[in-house]
Each structure stands twice: as structure tokens, then as C-alpha cells.
Amino acid sequence: MISKKHIINALVFFIILILLFFREYLYTYRMMLTNFVPYELYQNQVLFFSTFNDEYKMTLPAAVRLIPIFFYFIIYKTVPCFKLTNISGDISDDYVCATHAVALGNYILLILILVIFLYYQIIIQGKSKQEGYLSIFLCYAILKYLDHFAIDRFVVLYLILILFFLNNFKVSVLLVICSFMVSEKIFFITGILFFLRFFSQKNKKNYLIFFLSSLIAFVFYFGLIQMGKYYFEFFEFDFNYKQMFRMFYDKSAISGSLLPLLISLSPYIFWNKEINENYKKQRIEFIIPLALVFFGFLGGVENTARYVTHSFPIWLPILTSRINQLLKFN
């Protein structure tokens, strides 16, 4: 149960982390404006919804990830624009301010993920504070595999919220259904998760409804994409399964795909009796990070780490418990 004390402590912890990670926000903001690395320019879609100028249009499916985009849009419209020094004068003020909104949004999302994941472990999963703090240390390390210029962090936070409110049936169902406006990865993950838990866990009726909610989100997503085709172009995916074999011999692909995949599978590989008592019949859920490799066929082997990392709210608590056993914190 969430108490007043939990809320106050979470707020204090949030403020502390905001101060500690402020420079990361500045680095992110500067890297985005200088195009330090390639990334999806969601600030353009923010500007499109602000001006309806076609030059800012993104392609599908990114263009209809509506909830994250409107999260950045609200920041763009309400938060004063902070401008950096030593930035090219060729960049328009509107673009700078939209980029600031996305950078600031990702900064806030990072802190929210760390705080909410900590209390998910302590309140929902009943773990000790020591193990909870170990989990956010690992969480921050795992988050480095995600893109922190786009919507990856929003997707992960949304998945954590679904798991956090899993015992609140109405809230969790609503979150799952609305996931079609966030990212296709969410209902893909929840669809597999709830399908597996329908066969392996109690409360089969609830898990069946959660699974059906994921299917409803898929149907709505398909309709949203079809409607979006009237306004946006579709990004052509190159389904190249051969490139995925690079993860076994190419150095960059090994570090960017095979290693993160092994990390995500490690809780299930090093399963033991104590883990089995705390996570009964969940070992089969190794299928989830493995299934996310499928997105690597579409987005490139270099992005496999990102796709697999989206599922960490499911397997990182197990990995934390296993590491906690090895370190014998308790």
C-alpha cells in the first residue's frame, strides 16, 4: 500500500536525483543540438503539432507515438526555453526550444524511472531497502542502453507503471489499452507477458483480460497507423535477418546486441531455488527479451540492445535478487 510517508520520501529522493543528474541533462541537450549521434528528431513532430508546417513531419510509426510527443509538446508550451552558449546561429529558435523540451522531458523521465522503479521494488515486490537501492544502481546502468534523445525512456516508464498498478485492475487495463498511443513495443511486451502468466500464474481471469487488452491495443494501433497514412509517410523497414548473425562475430554488434541480450537472459540462466520461491513459474518469461530481438530485424542489429532493454522492468528485479544473494547484503 502506498502511504503518505512513501510519497514524501519519493518526492525528497526525486529532488535529490534532479540535482545530482543536472549535468546529464545539459550534456543531452547539447548533444541533440549538435547531432552528436544519429537519433529520431521528435522535436520536429513537436513543432509540427505546434505549427502544422509539413516540413516538420516525421514518418510513421514515430509520428503517431502521440502520448510521448504531447508530453514533450506540453513542456515546449509551458516551460521557459533555456538556450545554451556556443551553438550554431543557423539553428532556428523554435527548433532550439523544441529540442530543449525533448531533452528536459528525457531528464525528468530518467529521474521518474529511478524513483518509481525503487518503490515498485519496495512496495509492490516487498524487497528490502538495500536491495531496492541496488536495483536503481543497476537500473541506471541498464538505462544507458536506451536512446535518451527520443521516447525510449517514456516507453520504459509506461511499462513500469503498468506493472506497478497491476493489482489495480481498472488502472492497469486502461494503461495497457492506451499503450497503442505510446509505442508498439509496450503491447508487444505485455501481450507476451500476460499470455505466459495466464498459463503459469493464479488469477487467470485477470491475466486473460490483460492479454485481451494488449490485443485491443494492437487493433487500435493498426487503425491509428492506417489513419496516419493519410497524413504521414511510412518508414520503409528493411527486414534483413542475415544482419542479425553479426552479433556473433562483429565487435560492435557483440557489444550492442549479444552482450545486452545475455544480461537480460542471465536471471533465467542462473535461476536457483530461492529465486524460484520469490518468482514462482516466471522462468519461462525469458521469452520476452528474446522475442524483442525480432525488432532488430527491422531496426538493425545495432539497435537490438535498445529493444531488449525495454523489457528490463520484468527481468531486472530477478537479476537484482540474484546479485543480492551473491553479495549477501542481507
Protein backbone atom coordinates (compact mmCIF):
# COMPACT_ATOMS: atom_id res chain seq x y z
CA MET A 1 0.00 0.00 0.00
CA ILE A 2 1.28 3.48 -0.86
CA SER A 3 1.43 5.58 2.30
CA LYS A 4 1.90 9.31 2.83
CA LYS A 5 5.42 8.56 4.07
CA HIS A 6 6.23 6.78 0.78
CA ILE A 7 5.06 9.80 -1.21
CA ILE A 8 7.11 12.26 0.87
CA ASN A 9 10.23 10.07 0.69
CA ALA A 10 9.80 9.62 -3.06
CA LEU A 11 9.47 13.38 -3.53
CA VAL A 12 12.65 14.03 -1.49
CA PHE A 13 14.51 11.34 -3.43
CA PHE A 14 13.25 12.85 -6.71
CA ILE A 15 14.62 16.29 -5.77
CA ILE A 16 17.99 14.80 -4.77
CA LEU A 17 18.31 12.97 -8.08
CA ILE A 18 17.23 16.06 -10.04
CA LEU A 19 20.19 17.91 -8.53
CA LEU A 20 22.64 15.03 -8.96
CA PHE A 21 21.85 14.41 -12.64
CA PHE A 22 21.53 18.02 -13.79
CA ARG A 23 24.73 17.93 -15.84
CA GLU A 24 23.48 14.85 -17.72
CA TYR A 25 20.53 16.93 -18.88
CA LEU A 26 22.92 19.63 -20.15
CA TYR A 27 25.07 17.07 -21.99
CA THR A 28 21.98 15.51 -23.56
CA TYR A 29 20.66 18.89 -24.67
CA ARG A 30 23.98 19.91 -26.24
CA MET A 31 24.45 16.55 -28.00
CA MET A 32 20.96 16.82 -29.50
CA LEU A 33 21.59 20.31 -30.88
CA THR A 34 24.97 19.31 -32.35
CA ASN A 35 23.65 15.99 -33.75
CA PHE A 36 26.45 14.24 -31.90
CA VAL A 37 24.89 10.87 -32.70
CA PRO A 38 22.04 9.95 -35.09
CA TYR A 39 18.60 9.90 -33.45
CA GLU A 40 14.92 10.34 -34.28
CA LEU A 41 14.06 14.05 -34.24
CA TYR A 42 10.91 14.05 -32.13
CA GLN A 43 11.33 17.80 -31.68
CA ASN A 44 10.24 18.08 -35.32
CA GLN A 45 6.95 16.36 -34.54
CA VAL A 46 6.50 18.71 -31.58
CA LEU A 47 6.93 21.61 -33.99
CA PHE A 48 4.54 20.00 -36.47
CA PHE A 49 1.77 19.80 -33.88
CA SER A 50 2.58 23.38 -32.90
CA THR A 51 2.68 24.90 -36.40
CA PHE A 52 1.18 22.22 -38.74
CA ASN A 53 4.06 23.01 -41.06
CA ASP A 54 4.61 19.95 -43.26
CA GLU A 55 8.39 20.38 -43.28
CA TYR A 56 8.45 19.15 -39.68
CA LYS A 57 6.50 15.94 -40.32
CA MET A 58 8.05 12.70 -39.13
CA THR A 59 7.35 9.34 -40.75
CA LEU A 60 5.20 6.56 -39.37
CA PRO A 61 5.23 4.90 -36.89
CA ALA A 62 7.19 7.57 -34.94
CA ALA A 63 4.73 10.30 -35.98
CA VAL A 64 1.80 8.70 -34.11
CA ARG A 65 3.51 7.94 -30.80
CA LEU A 66 1.11 10.55 -29.52
CA ILE A 67 1.36 10.43 -25.73
CA PRO A 68 5.17 10.88 -25.54
CA ILE A 69 5.03 13.58 -28.22
CA PHE A 70 2.35 15.51 -26.37
CA PHE A 71 4.34 15.13 -23.14
CA TYR A 72 7.19 16.99 -24.90
CA PHE A 73 4.68 19.37 -26.50
CA ILE A 74 3.34 20.43 -23.08
CA ILE A 75 6.89 21.11 -21.88
CA TYR A 76 7.55 23.08 -25.07
CA LYS A 77 4.49 25.24 -24.48
CA THR A 78 4.78 25.75 -20.72
CA VAL A 79 8.44 25.65 -19.65
CA PRO A 80 10.69 28.64 -20.44
CA CYS A 81 13.29 27.80 -23.08
CA PHE A 82 16.82 27.60 -21.74
CA LYS A 83 19.38 28.25 -24.50
CA LEU A 84 22.95 27.00 -24.50
CA THR A 85 26.02 29.01 -25.48
CA ASN A 86 28.35 28.21 -28.40
CA ILE A 87 25.57 26.74 -30.55
CA SER A 88 25.37 27.40 -34.28
CA GLY A 89 23.39 30.52 -35.14
CA ASP A 90 21.90 28.70 -38.15
CA ILE A 91 19.54 26.77 -35.87
CA SER A 92 16.14 28.44 -35.50
CA ASP A 93 14.90 29.46 -32.06
CA ASP A 94 11.80 27.25 -32.48
CA TYR A 95 13.95 24.19 -33.15
CA VAL A 96 16.23 25.00 -30.20
CA CYS A 97 13.26 25.34 -27.86
CA ALA A 98 11.58 22.16 -29.12
CA THR A 99 14.89 20.31 -28.65
CA HIS A 100 15.11 21.76 -25.15
CA ALA A 101 11.64 20.36 -24.42
CA VAL A 102 12.65 16.84 -25.51
CA ALA A 103 15.96 17.00 -23.59
CA LEU A 104 14.24 18.28 -20.44
CA GLY A 105 11.50 15.66 -20.82
CA ASN A 106 14.05 12.86 -21.03
CA TYR A 107 15.83 14.25 -17.96
CA ILE A 108 12.57 14.19 -15.98
CA LEU A 109 11.77 10.69 -17.29
CA LEU A 110 15.15 9.38 -16.12
CA ILE A 111 14.52 10.58 -12.57
CA LEU A 112 10.94 9.27 -12.57
CA ILE A 113 12.11 5.84 -13.72
CA LEU A 114 14.69 5.59 -10.93
CA VAL A 115 12.27 6.75 -8.23
CA ILE A 116 9.24 4.72 -9.33
CA PHE A 117 11.32 1.58 -10.02
CA LEU A 118 12.76 1.83 -6.48
CA TYR A 119 9.29 2.00 -4.93
CA TYR A 120 7.99 -0.69 -7.28
CA GLN A 121 10.62 -2.97 -5.77
CA ILE A 122 9.97 -1.94 -2.17
CA ILE A 123 6.16 -1.51 -2.15
CA ILE A 124 4.91 -3.94 -4.79
CA GLN A 125 7.58 -6.64 -4.64
CA GLY A 126 8.28 -6.28 -0.91
CA LYS A 127 12.05 -6.09 -1.18
CA SER A 128 14.40 -4.61 1.41
CA LYS A 129 15.66 -1.06 1.02
CA GLN A 130 19.19 -2.39 0.46
CA GLU A 131 18.03 -4.48 -2.45
CA GLY A 132 15.89 -1.61 -3.70
CA TYR A 133 18.85 0.77 -3.84
CA LEU A 134 20.94 -1.92 -5.52
CA SER A 135 18.18 -2.19 -8.12
CA ILE A 136 18.27 1.51 -9.04
CA PHE A 137 22.06 1.37 -9.35
CA LEU A 138 21.63 -1.48 -11.86
CA CYS A 139 18.65 0.30 -13.39
CA TYR A 140 20.74 3.39 -14.17
CA ALA A 141 23.44 1.21 -15.77
CA ILE A 142 20.87 -0.65 -17.90
CA LEU A 143 19.23 2.61 -18.98
CA LYS A 144 22.44 3.55 -20.78
CA TYR A 145 21.47 1.07 -23.50
CA LEU A 146 18.35 3.12 -24.27
CA ASP A 147 18.16 6.12 -26.57
CA HIS A 148 17.99 9.18 -24.30
CA PHE A 149 17.15 11.59 -27.12
CA ALA A 150 13.78 10.16 -28.16
CA ILE A 151 10.95 8.23 -26.42
CA ASP A 152 12.65 5.06 -25.11
CA ARG A 153 12.60 6.29 -21.52
CA PHE A 154 8.90 7.17 -21.78
CA VAL A 155 8.16 3.64 -23.01
CA VAL A 156 10.04 2.06 -20.10
CA LEU A 157 8.37 4.33 -17.54
CA TYR A 158 4.96 3.45 -19.00
CA LEU A 159 5.73 -0.28 -18.70
CA ILE A 160 6.85 0.19 -15.07
CA LEU A 161 3.56 1.97 -14.34
CA ILE A 162 1.59 -0.95 -15.82
CA LEU A 163 3.45 -3.36 -13.54
CA PHE A 164 3.17 -1.01 -10.55
CA PHE A 165 -0.63 -0.83 -10.86
CA LEU A 166 -1.14 -4.46 -11.81
CA ASN A 167 -3.19 -5.04 -8.65
CA ASN A 168 -5.42 -2.09 -9.55
CA PHE A 169 -7.37 -3.82 -12.28
CA LYS A 170 -9.10 -0.82 -13.88
CA VAL A 171 -5.97 1.35 -13.98
CA SER A 172 -3.76 -1.38 -15.43
CA VAL A 173 -6.29 -2.33 -18.13
CA LEU A 174 -6.66 1.32 -19.12
CA LEU A 175 -2.87 1.73 -19.29
CA VAL A 176 -2.48 -1.37 -21.45
CA ILE A 177 -5.21 -0.31 -23.89
CA CYS A 178 -3.85 3.25 -24.18
CA SER A 179 -0.36 1.89 -24.93
CA PHE A 180 -1.18 1.98 -28.65
CA MET A 181 -0.61 5.74 -28.43
CA VAL A 182 2.81 5.27 -26.80
CA SER A 183 4.69 2.54 -28.66
CA GLU A 184 4.03 -0.80 -30.26
CA LYS A 185 6.73 -2.31 -28.03
CA ILE A 186 4.52 -1.99 -24.94
CA PHE A 187 1.57 -4.09 -26.09
CA PHE A 188 4.05 -6.48 -27.72
CA ILE A 189 5.76 -7.00 -24.34
CA THR A 190 2.56 -7.07 -22.26
CA GLY A 191 0.88 -9.38 -24.75
CA ILE A 192 3.61 -12.00 -24.33
CA LEU A 193 3.89 -11.41 -20.57
CA PHE A 194 0.19 -11.81 -19.83
CA PHE A 195 -0.17 -14.74 -22.23
CA LEU A 196 2.60 -16.58 -20.33
CA ARG A 197 1.17 -15.65 -16.93
CA PHE A 198 -2.31 -16.77 -17.96
CA PHE A 199 -0.93 -20.32 -18.16
CA SER A 200 1.54 -20.14 -15.27
CA GLN A 201 0.03 -17.90 -12.56
CA LYS A 202 -3.10 -17.62 -10.43
CA ASN A 203 -5.77 -15.00 -11.21
CA LYS A 204 -6.13 -16.47 -14.70
CA LYS A 205 -9.22 -14.36 -15.38
CA ASN A 206 -7.30 -11.14 -14.73
CA TYR A 207 -4.36 -12.17 -16.88
CA LEU A 208 -6.73 -13.20 -19.67
CA ILE A 209 -8.30 -9.73 -19.60
CA PHE A 210 -4.84 -8.11 -19.54
CA PHE A 211 -3.86 -10.21 -22.55
CA LEU A 212 -7.06 -9.28 -24.38
CA SER A 213 -6.37 -5.61 -23.53
CA SER A 214 -2.99 -5.98 -25.27
CA LEU A 215 -4.78 -7.38 -28.33
CA ILE A 216 -7.22 -4.46 -28.26
CA ALA A 217 -4.24 -2.07 -28.13
CA PHE A 218 -2.80 -3.84 -31.18
CA VAL A 219 -6.09 -3.41 -33.09
CA PHE A 220 -6.26 0.28 -32.14
CA TYR A 221 -2.62 0.70 -33.15
CA PHE A 222 -3.31 -0.85 -36.56
CA GLY A 223 -6.21 1.58 -37.00
CA LEU A 224 -4.05 4.52 -35.89
CA ILE A 225 -1.36 3.58 -38.42
CA GLN A 226 -3.93 3.25 -41.21
CA MET A 227 -5.41 6.65 -40.34
CA GLY A 228 -1.92 8.14 -40.02
CA LYS A 229 -1.10 7.13 -43.59
CA TYR A 230 -3.36 9.95 -44.78
CA TYR A 231 -1.11 12.50 -43.04
CA PHE A 232 2.35 10.94 -42.81
CA GLU A 233 4.62 8.81 -44.93
CA PHE A 234 5.52 5.33 -43.73
CA PHE A 235 9.11 4.48 -42.90
CA GLU A 236 10.15 1.54 -45.06
CA PHE A 237 11.64 -1.22 -42.91
CA ASP A 238 14.29 -3.45 -44.38
CA PHE A 239 13.64 -6.92 -42.96
CA ASN A 240 17.14 -8.35 -43.12
CA TYR A 241 17.53 -11.43 -40.92
CA LYS A 242 21.10 -12.10 -42.13
CA GLN A 243 22.44 -8.96 -40.45
CA MET A 244 21.46 -10.36 -37.06
CA PHE A 245 24.19 -13.02 -37.31
CA ARG A 246 26.71 -10.19 -36.94
CA MET A 247 26.07 -10.25 -33.19
CA PHE A 248 28.18 -13.42 -33.03
CA TYR A 249 31.28 -12.16 -34.83
CA ASP A 250 31.24 -8.36 -35.27
CA LYS A 251 32.77 -6.49 -32.30
CA SER A 252 30.33 -3.56 -32.32
CA ALA A 253 27.36 -5.89 -32.81
CA ILE A 254 28.52 -8.11 -29.94
CA SER A 255 28.68 -5.15 -27.54
CA GLY A 256 25.49 -3.60 -28.93
CA SER A 257 23.31 -6.68 -29.16
CA LEU A 258 24.68 -10.01 -27.90
CA LEU A 259 26.03 -8.73 -24.58
CA PRO A 260 22.80 -6.89 -23.56
CA LEU A 261 20.78 -9.94 -24.63
CA LEU A 262 22.90 -12.18 -22.38
CA ILE A 263 22.47 -9.72 -19.49
CA SER A 264 18.68 -9.85 -19.91
CA LEU A 265 18.74 -13.66 -20.02
CA SER A 266 21.16 -14.06 -17.10
CA PRO A 267 18.46 -14.06 -14.37
CA TYR A 268 16.86 -17.05 -16.05
CA ILE A 269 20.16 -18.80 -16.78
CA PHE A 270 21.35 -18.55 -13.16
CA TRP A 271 17.98 -19.47 -11.64
CA ASN A 272 18.04 -21.19 -8.24
CA LYS A 273 15.69 -22.48 -5.56
CA GLU A 274 15.45 -19.19 -3.64
CA ILE A 275 14.73 -17.21 -6.81
CA ASN A 276 12.10 -19.79 -7.74
CA GLU A 277 10.35 -19.26 -4.39
CA ASN A 278 10.13 -15.50 -4.92
CA TYR A 279 9.35 -15.60 -8.65
CA LYS A 280 7.28 -18.74 -8.98
CA LYS A 281 6.79 -20.01 -12.52
CA GLN A 282 8.32 -16.88 -14.05
CA ARG A 283 11.39 -18.54 -15.53
CA ILE A 284 9.57 -19.01 -18.82
CA GLU A 285 9.46 -15.22 -19.19
CA PHE A 286 12.95 -15.33 -20.70
CA ILE A 287 10.93 -15.48 -23.93
CA ILE A 288 10.17 -11.73 -23.62
CA PRO A 289 13.69 -10.28 -24.08
CA LEU A 290 14.39 -13.00 -26.62
CA ALA A 291 11.28 -12.02 -28.60
CA LEU A 292 12.39 -8.38 -28.70
CA VAL A 293 15.32 -9.42 -30.87
CA PHE A 294 12.66 -9.53 -33.60
CA PHE A 295 12.70 -5.73 -33.68
CA GLY A 296 16.39 -5.95 -34.53
CA PHE A 297 15.42 -7.46 -37.87
CA LEU A 298 13.54 -4.22 -38.58
CA GLY A 299 15.69 -1.59 -36.91
CA GLY A 300 19.15 -3.06 -37.37
CA VAL A 301 21.35 -5.26 -35.21
CA GLU A 302 22.96 -2.14 -33.71
CA ASN A 303 19.63 -1.29 -32.05
CA THR A 304 18.98 -4.71 -30.55
CA ALA A 305 20.29 -3.57 -27.15
CA ARG A 306 17.65 -0.82 -27.10
CA TYR A 307 14.83 -3.19 -27.92
CA VAL A 308 15.85 -5.81 -25.37
CA THR A 309 16.36 -3.16 -22.66
CA HIS A 310 12.71 -2.06 -22.97
CA SER A 311 11.78 -5.24 -21.09
CA PHE A 312 14.08 -4.68 -18.09
CA PRO A 313 11.24 -3.87 -15.61
CA ILE A 314 10.33 -7.57 -15.92
CA TRP A 315 13.74 -9.22 -15.53
CA LEU A 316 15.87 -6.70 -13.64
CA PRO A 317 14.12 -7.34 -10.28
CA ILE A 318 15.07 -11.01 -10.65
CA LEU A 319 18.66 -10.13 -11.59
CA THR A 320 18.85 -7.77 -8.59
CA SER A 321 17.74 -10.54 -6.23
CA ARG A 322 20.33 -12.91 -7.69
CA ILE A 323 23.15 -10.38 -7.35
CA ASN A 324 21.95 -9.54 -3.85
CA GLN A 325 22.28 -13.23 -2.97
CA LEU A 326 25.82 -13.34 -4.31
CA LEU A 327 26.84 -10.18 -2.45
CA LYS A 328 24.95 -11.31 0.66
CA PHE A 329 23.72 -7.82 1.51
CA ASN A 330 21.10 -9.35 3.79
